[in-house]
């Protein structure tokens, strides 16, 4: 079946986000920074904000659990824009090329509904999706829950087997595969255009 749709994850694919971009200078101590990010402000905690919990609630929950780290926890979302360093130029270039083809472009992202508008306002390439973006924080669903892909398919009346899903998270790639999507797992070494062309996408 011919490929008709290209679906992009954002963080790690089109956007370079990492809390270390802020906390490296904040702590000026890599060991302390890694302890904080791996034991206090862990990925699973941040993911709950991506699932729709407010930043305020998430912050207060973590401070209650780790009162000795209150200053650092409050700094997390107060400095979130510093963590969003830039776009990923080589992949954004592929997106721009795809926008000049007949493929339909979609976004499917795990992102807080409170912070995503900043990215939307500051990076013009998001306009290429023409509003066809599913944001986890708005839907109260998060990858790798199959329901968020099903929502995308239903909302835009598209088929998984006619769609390429691009993500940097291996768990999300596996979940998409089980639903019938064609997938591209992005790593730092990935040449996205080459991988898409291998699948038969004409860019």
C-alpha atoms as a PDB file:
ATOM      1  CA  UNK A   1       0.000   0.000   0.000  1.00  0.00           C
ATOM      2  CA  UNK A   2       1.332   3.434  -0.939  1.00  0.00           C
ATOM      3  CA  UNK A   3       2.579   5.809   1.734  1.00  0.00           C
ATOM      4  CA  UNK A   4       0.362   8.889   2.030  1.00  0.00           C
ATOM      5  CA  UNK A   5       1.151  10.316   5.466  1.00  0.00           C
ATOM      6  CA  UNK A   6       4.289  11.279   7.383  1.00  0.00           C
ATOM      7  CA  UNK A   7       3.881  11.658  11.162  1.00  0.00           C
ATOM      8  CA  UNK A   8       6.570  13.411  13.194  1.00  0.00           C
ATOM      9  CA  UNK A   9       7.359  13.259  16.864  1.00  0.00           C
ATOM     10  CA  UNK A  10       8.936  16.585  17.876  1.00  0.00           C
ATOM     11  CA  UNK A  11      11.365  16.276  20.809  1.00  0.00           C
ATOM     12  CA  UNK A  12      14.540  14.520  19.644  1.00  0.00           C
ATOM     13  CA  UNK A  13      13.336  14.570  16.027  1.00  0.00           C
ATOM     14  CA  UNK A  14      12.665  18.224  15.172  1.00  0.00           C
ATOM     15  CA  UNK A  15      13.470  19.934  18.488  1.00  0.00           C
ATOM     16  CA  UNK A  16      16.580  19.675  20.659  1.00  0.00           C
ATOM     17  CA  UNK A  17      15.278  19.719  24.243  1.00  0.00           C
ATOM     18  CA  UNK A  18      17.279  18.644  27.273  1.00  0.00           C
ATOM     19  CA  UNK A  19      17.070  19.860  30.895  1.00  0.00           C
ATOM     20  CA  UNK A  20      20.863  19.687  31.024  1.00  0.00           C
ATOM     21  CA  UNK A  21      21.066  22.767  28.801  1.00  0.00           C
ATOM     22  CA  UNK A  22      19.867  24.770  31.798  1.00  0.00           C
ATOM     23  CA  UNK A  23      21.060  22.742  34.775  1.00  0.00           C
ATOM     24  CA  UNK A  24      24.673  22.379  33.579  1.00  0.00           C
ATOM     25  CA  UNK A  25      25.325  26.044  34.372  1.00  0.00           C
ATOM     26  CA  UNK A  26      22.888  26.095  37.274  1.00  0.00           C
ATOM     27  CA  UNK A  27      24.704  23.374  39.215  1.00  0.00           C
ATOM     28  CA  UNK A  28      28.157  23.813  37.684  1.00  0.00           C
ATOM     29  CA  UNK A  29      28.639  20.270  38.987  1.00  0.00           C
ATOM     30  CA  UNK A  30      27.837  17.434  36.582  1.00  0.00           C
ATOM     31  CA  UNK A  31      27.617  14.813  39.317  1.00  0.00           C
ATOM     32  CA  UNK A  32      25.045  16.810  41.293  1.00  0.00           C
ATOM     33  CA  UNK A  33      23.112  17.628  38.118  1.00  0.00           C
ATOM     34  CA  UNK A  34      22.896  13.968  37.111  1.00  0.00           C
ATOM     35  CA  UNK A  35      21.799  12.981  40.606  1.00  0.00           C
ATOM     36  CA  UNK A  36      18.991  15.560  40.482  1.00  0.00           C
ATOM     37  CA  UNK A  37      17.788  14.514  37.015  1.00  0.00           C
ATOM     38  CA  UNK A  38      18.027  10.779  37.681  1.00  0.00           C
ATOM     39  CA  UNK A  39      16.639  10.730  41.233  1.00  0.00           C
ATOM     40  CA  UNK A  40      14.458  13.815  41.722  1.00  0.00           C
ATOM     41  CA  UNK A  41      13.200  15.466  38.519  1.00  0.00           C
ATOM     42  CA  UNK A  42      12.997  12.135  36.704  1.00  0.00           C
ATOM     43  CA  UNK A  43      11.584  11.506  33.212  1.00  0.00           C
ATOM     44  CA  UNK A  44       8.454   9.822  34.596  1.00  0.00           C
ATOM     45  CA  UNK A  45       7.645  12.936  36.632  1.00  0.00           C
ATOM     46  CA  UNK A  46       8.041  15.225  33.603  1.00  0.00           C
ATOM     47  CA  UNK A  47       5.919  12.803  31.559  1.00  0.00           C
ATOM     48  CA  UNK A  48       2.947  13.417  33.848  1.00  0.00           C
ATOM     49  CA  UNK A  49       3.015  17.083  32.833  1.00  0.00           C
ATOM     50  CA  UNK A  50       3.121  15.875  29.216  1.00  0.00           C
ATOM     51  CA  UNK A  51       0.044  13.774  30.047  1.00  0.00           C
ATOM     52  CA  UNK A  52      -1.844  16.893  31.110  1.00  0.00           C
ATOM     53  CA  UNK A  53      -0.991  17.538  34.743  1.00  0.00           C
ATOM     54  CA  UNK A  54      -0.361  21.251  35.290  1.00  0.00           C
ATOM     55  CA  UNK A  55       3.200  22.485  35.763  1.00  0.00           C
ATOM     56  CA  UNK A  56       2.165  24.019  39.092  1.00  0.00           C
ATOM     57  CA  UNK A  57       0.719  20.757  40.390  1.00  0.00           C
ATOM     58  CA  UNK A  58       3.695  18.739  39.173  1.00  0.00           C
ATOM     59  CA  UNK A  59       6.092  21.169  40.828  1.00  0.00           C
ATOM     60  CA  UNK A  60       4.280  21.123  44.170  1.00  0.00           C
ATOM     61  CA  UNK A  61       4.042  17.310  44.200  1.00  0.00           C
ATOM     62  CA  UNK A  62       7.798  17.014  43.693  1.00  0.00           C
ATOM     63  CA  UNK A  63       8.623  19.634  46.328  1.00  0.00           C
ATOM     64  CA  UNK A  64       6.453  17.796  48.846  1.00  0.00           C
ATOM     65  CA  UNK A  65       8.394  14.625  48.079  1.00  0.00           C
ATOM     66  CA  UNK A  66      11.840  16.274  48.004  1.00  0.00           C
ATOM     67  CA  UNK A  67      11.655  19.461  50.125  1.00  0.00           C
ATOM     68  CA  UNK A  68      15.464  19.805  50.219  1.00  0.00           C
ATOM     69  CA  UNK A  69      15.418  20.302  46.438  1.00  0.00           C
ATOM     70  CA  UNK A  70      12.673  22.946  46.362  1.00  0.00           C
ATOM     71  CA  UNK A  71      14.830  25.642  44.738  1.00  0.00           C
ATOM     72  CA  UNK A  72      15.992  23.295  41.982  1.00  0.00           C
ATOM     73  CA  UNK A  73      12.520  21.885  41.353  1.00  0.00           C
ATOM     74  CA  UNK A  74      11.036  25.373  40.988  1.00  0.00           C
ATOM     75  CA  UNK A  75      13.842  26.274  38.601  1.00  0.00           C
ATOM     76  CA  UNK A  76      12.876  23.397  36.286  1.00  0.00           C
ATOM     77  CA  UNK A  77       9.812  24.898  34.619  1.00  0.00           C
ATOM     78  CA  UNK A  78      10.808  28.502  35.359  1.00  0.00           C
ATOM     79  CA  UNK A  79      13.711  27.936  32.965  1.00  0.00           C
ATOM     80  CA  UNK A  80      12.090  25.502  30.572  1.00  0.00           C
ATOM     81  CA  UNK A  81      12.708  27.678  27.511  1.00  0.00           C
ATOM     82  CA  UNK A  82      16.472  27.440  28.110  1.00  0.00           C
ATOM     83  CA  UNK A  83      16.137  23.645  27.926  1.00  0.00           C
ATOM     84  CA  UNK A  84      14.627  24.003  24.450  1.00  0.00           C
ATOM     85  CA  UNK A  85      17.923  24.884  22.808  1.00  0.00           C
ATOM     86  CA  UNK A  86      17.039  24.871  19.120  1.00  0.00           C
ATOM     87  CA  UNK A  87      15.520  22.954  16.279  1.00  0.00           C
ATOM     88  CA  UNK A  88      17.400  20.044  14.670  1.00  0.00           C
ATOM     89  CA  UNK A  89      18.295  21.613  11.299  1.00  0.00           C
ATOM     90  CA  UNK A  90      18.977  18.464   9.244  1.00  0.00           C
ATOM     91  CA  UNK A  91      15.573  16.984  10.129  1.00  0.00           C
ATOM     92  CA  UNK A  92      13.682  20.270   9.779  1.00  0.00           C
ATOM     93  CA  UNK A  93      15.166  20.527   6.282  1.00  0.00           C
ATOM     94  CA  UNK A  94      13.614  17.141   5.430  1.00  0.00           C
ATOM     95  CA  UNK A  95      10.277  18.344   6.835  1.00  0.00           C
ATOM     96  CA  UNK A  96      10.429  21.459   4.636  1.00  0.00           C
ATOM     97  CA  UNK A  97      11.110  19.329   1.562  1.00  0.00           C
ATOM     98  CA  UNK A  98       8.187  17.056   2.417  1.00  0.00           C
ATOM     99  CA  UNK A  99       5.915  20.103   2.689  1.00  0.00           C
ATOM    100  CA  UNK A 100       6.463  20.628  -1.048  1.00  0.00           C
ATOM    101  CA  UNK A 101       5.194  17.131  -1.875  1.00  0.00           C
ATOM    102  CA  UNK A 102       1.743  15.517  -1.836  1.00  0.00           C
ATOM    103  CA  UNK A 103       2.323  13.703   1.466  1.00  0.00           C
ATOM    104  CA  UNK A 104       0.144  14.795   4.372  1.00  0.00           C
ATOM    105  CA  UNK A 105       2.162  15.900   7.392  1.00  0.00           C
ATOM    106  CA  UNK A 106       1.134  15.309  10.996  1.00  0.00           C
ATOM    107  CA  UNK A 107       2.609  15.868  14.448  1.00  0.00           C
ATOM    108  CA  UNK A 108       2.190  13.472  17.373  1.00  0.00           C
ATOM    109  CA  UNK A 109       4.029  14.720  20.428  1.00  0.00           C
ATOM    110  CA  UNK A 110       4.368  14.068  24.140  1.00  0.00           C
ATOM    111  CA  UNK A 111       4.393  17.698  25.283  1.00  0.00           C
ATOM    112  CA  UNK A 112       2.797  19.751  28.047  1.00  0.00           C
ATOM    113  CA  UNK A 113      -0.137  21.834  26.852  1.00  0.00           C
ATOM    114  CA  UNK A 114       1.371  24.739  28.828  1.00  0.00           C
ATOM    115  CA  UNK A 115       4.822  24.731  27.224  1.00  0.00           C
ATOM    116  CA  UNK A 116       4.027  23.660  23.656  1.00  0.00           C
ATOM    117  CA  UNK A 117       2.586  27.075  22.666  1.00  0.00           C
ATOM    118  CA  UNK A 118       6.056  28.603  23.206  1.00  0.00           C
ATOM    119  CA  UNK A 119       7.592  26.246  20.639  1.00  0.00           C
ATOM    120  CA  UNK A 120       4.677  26.831  18.279  1.00  0.00           C
ATOM    121  CA  UNK A 121       5.171  30.590  18.452  1.00  0.00           C
ATOM    122  CA  UNK A 122       8.958  30.564  18.090  1.00  0.00           C
ATOM    123  CA  UNK A 123       9.627  27.984  15.360  1.00  0.00           C
ATOM    124  CA  UNK A 124       7.953  28.667  12.036  1.00  0.00           C
ATOM    125  CA  UNK A 125       8.263  25.113  10.700  1.00  0.00           C
ATOM    126  CA  UNK A 126       5.328  24.055  12.880  1.00  0.00           C
ATOM    127  CA  UNK A 127       3.130  25.958  10.409  1.00  0.00           C
ATOM    128  CA  UNK A 128       3.907  23.258   7.829  1.00  0.00           C
ATOM    129  CA  UNK A 129       1.627  20.866   9.740  1.00  0.00           C
ATOM    130  CA  UNK A 130      -1.360  23.163   9.088  1.00  0.00           C
ATOM    131  CA  UNK A 131      -2.732  22.522  12.554  1.00  0.00           C
ATOM    132  CA  UNK A 132      -2.665  18.719  12.219  1.00  0.00           C
ATOM    133  CA  UNK A 133      -0.846  18.166  15.503  1.00  0.00           C
ATOM    134  CA  UNK A 134      -1.900  15.918  18.391  1.00  0.00           C
ATOM    135  CA  UNK A 135      -0.404  17.128  21.698  1.00  0.00           C
ATOM    136  CA  UNK A 136      -0.471  14.657  24.591  1.00  0.00           C
ATOM    137  CA  UNK A 137      -1.059  17.323  27.228  1.00  0.00           C
ATOM    138  CA  UNK A 138      -4.194  18.525  25.447  1.00  0.00           C
ATOM    139  CA  UNK A 139      -5.576  15.005  24.968  1.00  0.00           C
ATOM    140  CA  UNK A 140      -4.625  13.607  28.417  1.00  0.00           C
ATOM    141  CA  UNK A 141      -3.056  10.669  26.563  1.00  0.00           C
ATOM    142  CA  UNK A 142       0.624   9.937  26.143  1.00  0.00           C
ATOM    143  CA  UNK A 143       2.792   7.726  23.961  1.00  0.00           C
ATOM    144  CA  UNK A 144       3.298   4.753  24.085  1.00  0.00           C
ATOM    145  CA  UNK A 145      -0.423   4.356  24.945  1.00  0.00           C
ATOM    146  CA  UNK A 146      -1.959   3.050  21.680  1.00  0.00           C
ATOM    147  CA  UNK A 147      -4.998   5.261  22.251  1.00  0.00           C
ATOM    148  CA  UNK A 148      -3.112   8.400  21.234  1.00  0.00           C
ATOM    149  CA  UNK A 149      -2.279   6.921  17.807  1.00  0.00           C
ATOM    150  CA  UNK A 150      -5.857   5.737  17.448  1.00  0.00           C
ATOM    151  CA  UNK A 151      -7.050   9.269  18.211  1.00  0.00           C
ATOM    152  CA  UNK A 152      -4.786  10.618  15.445  1.00  0.00           C
ATOM    153  CA  UNK A 153      -6.064   8.036  12.945  1.00  0.00           C
ATOM    154  CA  UNK A 154      -9.706   8.724  13.777  1.00  0.00           C
ATOM    155  CA  UNK A 155      -9.420  12.502  13.903  1.00  0.00           C
ATOM    156  CA  UNK A 156      -7.799  12.812  10.500  1.00  0.00           C
ATOM    157  CA  UNK A 157      -9.336   9.734   8.887  1.00  0.00           C
ATOM    158  CA  UNK A 158      -6.022   8.159   7.920  1.00  0.00           C
ATOM    159  CA  UNK A 159      -4.732   4.575   7.953  1.00  0.00           C
ATOM    160  CA  UNK A 160      -1.708   3.297   9.878  1.00  0.00           C
ATOM    161  CA  UNK A 161      -0.486   1.144   6.989  1.00  0.00           C
ATOM    162  CA  UNK A 162      -0.349   4.226   4.740  1.00  0.00           C
ATOM    163  CA  UNK A 163       1.599   6.236   7.316  1.00  0.00           C
ATOM    164  CA  UNK A 164       5.239   6.580   8.345  1.00  0.00           C
ATOM    165  CA  UNK A 165       5.729   7.371  12.044  1.00  0.00           C
ATOM    166  CA  UNK A 166       9.041   9.001  13.049  1.00  0.00           C
ATOM    167  CA  UNK A 167      10.181   9.036  16.699  1.00  0.00           C
ATOM    168  CA  UNK A 168      13.393   8.930  18.750  1.00  0.00           C
ATOM    169  CA  UNK A 169      11.892   6.760  21.507  1.00  0.00           C
ATOM    170  CA  UNK A 170      12.226   2.997  20.960  1.00  0.00           C
ATOM    171  CA  UNK A 171       9.128   2.193  23.068  1.00  0.00           C
ATOM    172  CA  UNK A 172       7.025   4.529  20.931  1.00  0.00           C
ATOM    173  CA  UNK A 173       8.381   2.959  17.754  1.00  0.00           C
ATOM    174  CA  UNK A 174       7.475  -0.541  18.976  1.00  0.00           C
ATOM    175  CA  UNK A 175       3.969   0.583  19.958  1.00  0.00           C
ATOM    176  CA  UNK A 176       3.439   2.180  16.535  1.00  0.00           C
ATOM    177  CA  UNK A 177       4.619  -0.982  14.781  1.00  0.00           C
ATOM    178  CA  UNK A 178       2.055  -3.091  16.628  1.00  0.00           C
ATOM    179  CA  UNK A 179      -0.641  -0.742  15.310  1.00  0.00           C
ATOM    180  CA  UNK A 180       0.519  -1.230  11.731  1.00  0.00           C
ATOM    181  CA  UNK A 181       2.532   1.941  11.160  1.00  0.00           C
ATOM    182  CA  UNK A 182       5.672   2.014   9.034  1.00  0.00           C
ATOM    183  CA  UNK A 183       8.353   3.454  11.328  1.00  0.00           C
ATOM    184  CA  UNK A 184      11.661   5.317  11.403  1.00  0.00           C
ATOM    185  CA  UNK A 185      13.559   5.263  14.704  1.00  0.00           C
ATOM    186  CA  UNK A 186      15.652   8.436  14.853  1.00  0.00           C
ATOM    187  CA  UNK A 187      19.038   8.463  16.596  1.00  0.00           C
ATOM    188  CA  UNK A 188      21.856  11.020  16.392  1.00  0.00           C
ATOM    189  CA  UNK A 189      23.318   9.026  13.489  1.00  0.00           C
ATOM    190  CA  UNK A 190      20.087   8.813  11.484  1.00  0.00           C
ATOM    191  CA  UNK A 191      19.983  10.388   8.036  1.00  0.00           C
ATOM    192  CA  UNK A 192      16.243  10.950   7.964  1.00  0.00           C
ATOM    193  CA  UNK A 193      15.949  11.636   4.245  1.00  0.00           C
ATOM    194  CA  UNK A 194      17.843   8.447   3.389  1.00  0.00           C
ATOM    195  CA  UNK A 195      15.699   6.363   5.770  1.00  0.00           C
ATOM    196  CA  UNK A 196      12.485   7.739   4.284  1.00  0.00           C
ATOM    197  CA  UNK A 197      13.698   7.177   0.738  1.00  0.00           C
ATOM    198  CA  UNK A 198      14.485   3.549   1.618  1.00  0.00           C
ATOM    199  CA  UNK A 199      10.802   3.177   2.482  1.00  0.00           C
ATOM    200  CA  UNK A 200       9.789   4.542  -0.907  1.00  0.00           C
ATOM    201  CA  UNK A 201       9.047   8.119   0.158  1.00  0.00           C
ATOM    202  CA  UNK A 202       9.850  10.459  -2.742  1.00  0.00           C
ATOM    203  CA  UNK A 203      11.412  13.687  -1.484  1.00  0.00           C
END
